Amino acid sequence: MLIGRDGTDEGALERRLAVRDAHIALGDTLVTEGKMLFGTALLDENDRMIGSMLVLDYPSRAELDQWLAVEPYAVSGVWEDITVTPVRVGPSFVGLHK
């Protein structure tokens, strides 16, 4: 699971919106390939996007890092803090993305 927190400066939302279409297009490709199982924007109390949470399925951290090297939010300074935590998809959800 990846949590990417956006910057908090005045230009943070504009940076996100500038590359959002490219982020979503790459995400659609990853969904088709079975590498992204779920994704959502993190919101503040005013429903403003302040980050992302993604459930990803990569066989290794090295392969995930290869994706991060081209992920628009990662390379364009949208995500200023990225945390990756290993998780296991629960049995109720296994097979939903096959």
N, C-alpha and C. Protein backbone atom coordinates (compact mmCIF):
# COMPACT_ATOMS: atom_id res chain seq x y z
N MET A 1 0.85 -1.16 0.00
CA MET A 1 0.00 0.00 0.00
C MET A 1 0.90 1.22 0.00
N LEU A 2 0.56 2.17 -0.86
CA LEU A 2 1.32 3.40 -0.95
C LEU A 2 0.43 4.55 -0.50
N ILE A 3 0.98 5.38 0.36
CA ILE A 3 0.34 6.63 0.72
C ILE A 3 1.28 7.74 0.29
N GLY A 4 0.80 8.58 -0.62
CA GLY A 4 1.56 9.74 -1.09
C GLY A 4 0.87 10.99 -0.60
N ARG A 5 1.57 11.75 0.21
CA ARG A 5 1.01 13.00 0.73
C ARG A 5 1.53 14.18 -0.08
N ASP A 6 0.60 15.01 -0.53
CA ASP A 6 0.95 16.18 -1.32
C ASP A 6 1.65 17.23 -0.46
N GLY A 7 2.35 18.12 -1.14
CA GLY A 7 2.93 19.27 -0.46
C GLY A 7 1.82 20.13 0.13
N THR A 8 2.21 21.03 1.03
CA THR A 8 1.23 21.89 1.68
C THR A 8 1.37 23.35 1.27
N ASP A 9 2.24 23.62 0.31
CA ASP A 9 2.44 24.99 -0.16
C ASP A 9 1.28 25.43 -1.04
N GLU A 10 1.25 26.70 -1.37
CA GLU A 10 0.16 27.26 -2.18
C GLU A 10 0.02 26.62 -3.56
N GLY A 11 1.10 26.13 -4.14
CA GLY A 11 1.04 25.56 -5.48
C GLY A 11 0.76 24.06 -5.52
N ALA A 12 0.53 23.46 -4.36
CA ALA A 12 0.39 22.00 -4.30
C ALA A 12 -0.78 21.49 -5.14
N LEU A 13 -1.94 22.07 -4.98
CA LEU A 13 -3.11 21.60 -5.73
C LEU A 13 -2.92 21.82 -7.23
N GLU A 14 -2.32 22.92 -7.61
CA GLU A 14 -2.10 23.19 -9.03
C GLU A 14 -1.14 22.17 -9.64
N ARG A 15 -0.09 21.78 -8.89
CA ARG A 15 0.83 20.74 -9.38
C ARG A 15 0.08 19.44 -9.60
N ARG A 16 -0.78 19.08 -8.66
CA ARG A 16 -1.57 17.85 -8.77
C ARG A 16 -2.45 17.89 -10.01
N LEU A 17 -3.18 18.97 -10.17
CA LEU A 17 -4.12 19.06 -11.30
C LEU A 17 -3.40 19.10 -12.64
N ALA A 18 -2.19 19.66 -12.67
CA ALA A 18 -1.44 19.76 -13.93
C ALA A 18 -1.06 18.39 -14.49
N VAL A 19 -0.86 17.40 -13.64
CA VAL A 19 -0.44 16.07 -14.11
C VAL A 19 -1.47 14.98 -13.81
N ARG A 20 -2.64 15.38 -13.34
CA ARG A 20 -3.66 14.41 -12.94
C ARG A 20 -4.08 13.49 -14.09
N ASP A 21 -4.28 14.03 -15.28
CA ASP A 21 -4.70 13.19 -16.41
C ASP A 21 -3.64 12.12 -16.70
N ALA A 22 -2.36 12.50 -16.66
CA ALA A 22 -1.29 11.52 -16.90
C ALA A 22 -1.23 10.49 -15.78
N HIS A 23 -1.46 10.91 -14.54
CA HIS A 23 -1.49 9.99 -13.40
C HIS A 23 -2.62 8.97 -13.57
N ILE A 24 -3.79 9.45 -13.95
CA ILE A 24 -4.95 8.56 -14.12
C ILE A 24 -4.74 7.63 -15.31
N ALA A 25 -4.17 8.12 -16.39
CA ALA A 25 -3.92 7.27 -17.56
C ALA A 25 -2.95 6.14 -17.21
N LEU A 26 -1.88 6.46 -16.49
CA LEU A 26 -0.95 5.42 -16.07
C LEU A 26 -1.64 4.46 -15.11
N GLY A 27 -2.45 4.99 -14.20
CA GLY A 27 -3.20 4.13 -13.28
C GLY A 27 -4.13 3.18 -14.01
N ASP A 28 -4.79 3.65 -15.06
CA ASP A 28 -5.68 2.78 -15.85
C ASP A 28 -4.89 1.63 -16.46
N THR A 29 -3.68 1.93 -16.94
CA THR A 29 -2.82 0.88 -17.49
C THR A 29 -2.46 -0.13 -16.41
N LEU A 30 -2.12 0.36 -15.22
CA LEU A 30 -1.76 -0.55 -14.13
C LEU A 30 -2.93 -1.41 -13.69
N VAL A 31 -4.13 -0.85 -13.71
CA VAL A 31 -5.33 -1.63 -13.37
C VAL A 31 -5.49 -2.76 -14.39
N THR A 32 -5.37 -2.44 -15.68
CA THR A 32 -5.49 -3.44 -16.74
C THR A 32 -4.45 -4.54 -16.57
N GLU A 33 -3.24 -4.16 -16.16
CA GLU A 33 -2.15 -5.13 -15.95
C GLU A 33 -2.26 -5.88 -14.62
N GLY A 34 -3.23 -5.52 -13.78
CA GLY A 34 -3.39 -6.17 -12.49
C GLY A 34 -2.40 -5.69 -11.43
N LYS A 35 -1.74 -4.57 -11.67
CA LYS A 35 -0.75 -4.06 -10.71
C LYS A 35 -1.33 -3.04 -9.74
N MET A 36 -2.46 -2.41 -10.10
CA MET A 36 -3.13 -1.50 -9.18
C MET A 36 -4.51 -2.06 -8.87
N LEU A 37 -4.75 -2.35 -7.60
CA LEU A 37 -6.00 -2.97 -7.20
C LEU A 37 -7.04 -1.95 -6.75
N PHE A 38 -6.56 -0.83 -6.21
CA PHE A 38 -7.47 0.20 -5.71
C PHE A 38 -6.71 1.49 -5.53
N GLY A 39 -7.39 2.60 -5.74
CA GLY A 39 -6.76 3.89 -5.50
C GLY A 39 -7.81 4.91 -5.11
N THR A 40 -7.40 5.86 -4.31
CA THR A 40 -8.30 6.91 -3.88
C THR A 40 -7.52 8.17 -3.54
N ALA A 41 -8.16 9.30 -3.70
CA ALA A 41 -7.56 10.55 -3.27
C ALA A 41 -7.82 10.74 -1.78
N LEU A 42 -6.82 11.23 -1.07
CA LEU A 42 -7.00 11.63 0.33
C LEU A 42 -7.52 13.06 0.33
N LEU A 43 -8.49 13.34 1.19
CA LEU A 43 -9.12 14.66 1.24
C LEU A 43 -8.94 15.30 2.60
N ASP A 44 -8.91 16.63 2.59
CA ASP A 44 -8.91 17.33 3.88
C ASP A 44 -10.36 17.61 4.28
N GLU A 45 -10.55 18.35 5.37
CA GLU A 45 -11.90 18.61 5.90
C GLU A 45 -12.76 19.44 4.95
N ASN A 46 -12.13 20.05 3.94
CA ASN A 46 -12.87 20.82 2.95
C ASN A 46 -13.01 20.09 1.62
N ASP A 47 -12.78 18.77 1.62
CA ASP A 47 -12.86 17.92 0.43
C ASP A 47 -11.82 18.28 -0.63
N ARG A 48 -10.72 18.92 -0.22
CA ARG A 48 -9.63 19.24 -1.14
C ARG A 48 -8.65 18.08 -1.18
N MET A 49 -8.21 17.68 -2.37
CA MET A 49 -7.27 16.57 -2.51
C MET A 49 -5.91 16.96 -1.89
N ILE A 50 -5.44 16.08 -0.99
CA ILE A 50 -4.17 16.34 -0.30
C ILE A 50 -3.21 15.15 -0.39
N GLY A 51 -3.59 14.12 -1.13
CA GLY A 51 -2.72 12.96 -1.26
C GLY A 51 -3.45 11.81 -1.93
N SER A 52 -2.79 10.65 -1.89
CA SER A 52 -3.34 9.46 -2.55
C SER A 52 -3.06 8.23 -1.71
N MET A 53 -3.94 7.23 -1.82
CA MET A 53 -3.72 5.91 -1.24
C MET A 53 -3.94 4.91 -2.36
N LEU A 54 -2.94 4.06 -2.59
CA LEU A 54 -3.03 3.06 -3.65
C LEU A 54 -2.72 1.69 -3.08
N VAL A 55 -3.49 0.70 -3.48
CA VAL A 55 -3.17 -0.69 -3.17
C VAL A 55 -2.61 -1.27 -4.47
N LEU A 56 -1.34 -1.65 -4.40
CA LEU A 56 -0.59 -2.10 -5.59
C LEU A 56 -0.18 -3.54 -5.43
N ASP A 57 0.06 -4.21 -6.54
CA ASP A 57 0.51 -5.60 -6.52
C ASP A 57 1.75 -5.72 -7.41
N TYR A 58 2.90 -5.52 -6.79
CA TYR A 58 4.19 -5.67 -7.47
C TYR A 58 4.94 -6.81 -6.80
N PRO A 59 5.63 -7.66 -7.58
CA PRO A 59 6.35 -8.79 -7.00
C PRO A 59 7.54 -8.38 -6.14
N SER A 60 8.06 -7.17 -6.34
CA SER A 60 9.23 -6.75 -5.56
C SER A 60 9.21 -5.24 -5.38
N ARG A 61 9.94 -4.79 -4.38
CA ARG A 61 10.07 -3.35 -4.15
C ARG A 61 10.80 -2.70 -5.32
N ALA A 62 11.75 -3.43 -5.92
CA ALA A 62 12.49 -2.88 -7.05
C ALA A 62 11.55 -2.56 -8.21
N GLU A 63 10.57 -3.42 -8.47
CA GLU A 63 9.62 -3.18 -9.56
C GLU A 63 8.68 -2.03 -9.22
N LEU A 64 8.30 -1.92 -7.96
CA LEU A 64 7.49 -0.79 -7.54
C LEU A 64 8.28 0.51 -7.72
N ASP A 65 9.55 0.49 -7.37
CA ASP A 65 10.39 1.67 -7.54
C ASP A 65 10.55 2.06 -9.01
N GLN A 66 10.55 1.08 -9.91
CA GLN A 66 10.59 1.39 -11.35
C GLN A 66 9.34 2.15 -11.76
N TRP A 67 8.20 1.76 -11.23
CA TRP A 67 6.96 2.48 -11.51
C TRP A 67 7.03 3.89 -10.91
N LEU A 68 7.50 4.01 -9.68
CA LEU A 68 7.60 5.33 -9.04
C LEU A 68 8.49 6.28 -9.85
N ALA A 69 9.47 5.74 -10.54
CA ALA A 69 10.39 6.56 -11.35
C ALA A 69 9.70 7.22 -12.53
N VAL A 70 8.49 6.76 -12.90
CA VAL A 70 7.74 7.36 -14.01
C VAL A 70 6.36 7.85 -13.59
N GLU A 71 5.95 7.57 -12.37
CA GLU A 71 4.64 7.99 -11.88
C GLU A 71 4.58 9.52 -11.83
N PRO A 72 3.63 10.15 -12.55
CA PRO A 72 3.59 11.61 -12.63
C PRO A 72 3.54 12.33 -11.28
N TYR A 73 2.80 11.82 -10.32
CA TYR A 73 2.73 12.50 -9.02
C TYR A 73 4.06 12.41 -8.29
N ALA A 74 4.78 11.32 -8.49
CA ALA A 74 6.08 11.15 -7.82
C ALA A 74 7.16 12.01 -8.46
N VAL A 75 7.18 12.09 -9.77
CA VAL A 75 8.28 12.79 -10.45
C VAL A 75 8.00 14.29 -10.65
N SER A 76 6.76 14.73 -10.44
CA SER A 76 6.42 16.14 -10.66
C SER A 76 6.31 16.93 -9.35
N GLY A 77 6.71 16.32 -8.27
CA GLY A 77 6.68 17.04 -7.00
C GLY A 77 5.31 17.17 -6.37
N VAL A 78 4.35 16.37 -6.82
CA VAL A 78 3.03 16.38 -6.19
C VAL A 78 3.12 15.71 -4.83
N TRP A 79 3.57 14.44 -4.83
CA TRP A 79 3.76 13.74 -3.57
C TRP A 79 5.08 14.17 -2.96
N GLU A 80 5.03 14.79 -1.79
CA GLU A 80 6.25 15.19 -1.11
C GLU A 80 6.65 14.18 -0.04
N ASP A 81 5.72 13.32 0.34
CA ASP A 81 6.02 12.28 1.33
C ASP A 81 5.37 10.99 0.84
N ILE A 82 6.17 9.96 0.62
CA ILE A 82 5.66 8.67 0.13
C ILE A 82 6.01 7.60 1.14
N THR A 83 4.98 6.86 1.56
CA THR A 83 5.17 5.74 2.47
C THR A 83 4.67 4.48 1.79
N VAL A 84 5.48 3.44 1.78
CA VAL A 84 5.08 2.15 1.23
C VAL A 84 5.06 1.14 2.37
N THR A 85 3.92 0.49 2.55
CA THR A 85 3.75 -0.49 3.60
C THR A 85 3.27 -1.79 2.98
N PRO A 86 3.96 -2.91 3.21
CA PRO A 86 3.47 -4.19 2.68
C PRO A 86 2.11 -4.53 3.31
N VAL A 87 1.21 -4.99 2.49
CA VAL A 87 -0.12 -5.42 2.94
C VAL A 87 -0.48 -6.71 2.19
N ARG A 88 -1.47 -7.40 2.70
CA ARG A 88 -2.00 -8.58 2.02
C ARG A 88 -3.49 -8.36 1.81
N VAL A 89 -3.93 -8.49 0.57
CA VAL A 89 -5.35 -8.34 0.25
C VAL A 89 -6.12 -9.47 0.93
N GLY A 90 -7.20 -9.10 1.60
CA GLY A 90 -8.01 -10.08 2.32
C GLY A 90 -8.70 -11.06 1.40
N PRO A 91 -9.04 -12.25 1.92
CA PRO A 91 -9.62 -13.30 1.08
C PRO A 91 -10.94 -12.90 0.41
N SER A 92 -11.68 -11.97 1.01
CA SER A 92 -12.93 -11.53 0.40
C SER A 92 -12.71 -10.76 -0.89
N PHE A 93 -11.49 -10.25 -1.08
CA PHE A 93 -11.20 -9.41 -2.24
C PHE A 93 -10.33 -10.11 -3.28
N VAL A 94 -9.72 -11.21 -2.93
CA VAL A 94 -8.87 -11.93 -3.87
C VAL A 94 -9.73 -12.39 -5.05
N GLY A 95 -9.27 -12.16 -6.25
CA GLY A 95 -9.99 -12.60 -7.43
C GLY A 95 -10.89 -11.54 -8.03
N LEU A 96 -11.14 -10.45 -7.31
CA LEU A 96 -11.99 -9.39 -7.86
C LEU A 96 -11.34 -8.70 -9.04
N HIS A 97 -10.00 -8.75 -9.10
CA HIS A 97 -9.28 -8.02 -10.14
C HIS A 97 -8.68 -8.95 -11.19
N LYS A 98 -9.10 -10.16 -11.24
CA LYS A 98 -8.55 -11.12 -12.21
C LYS A 98 -9.38 -11.12 -13.46
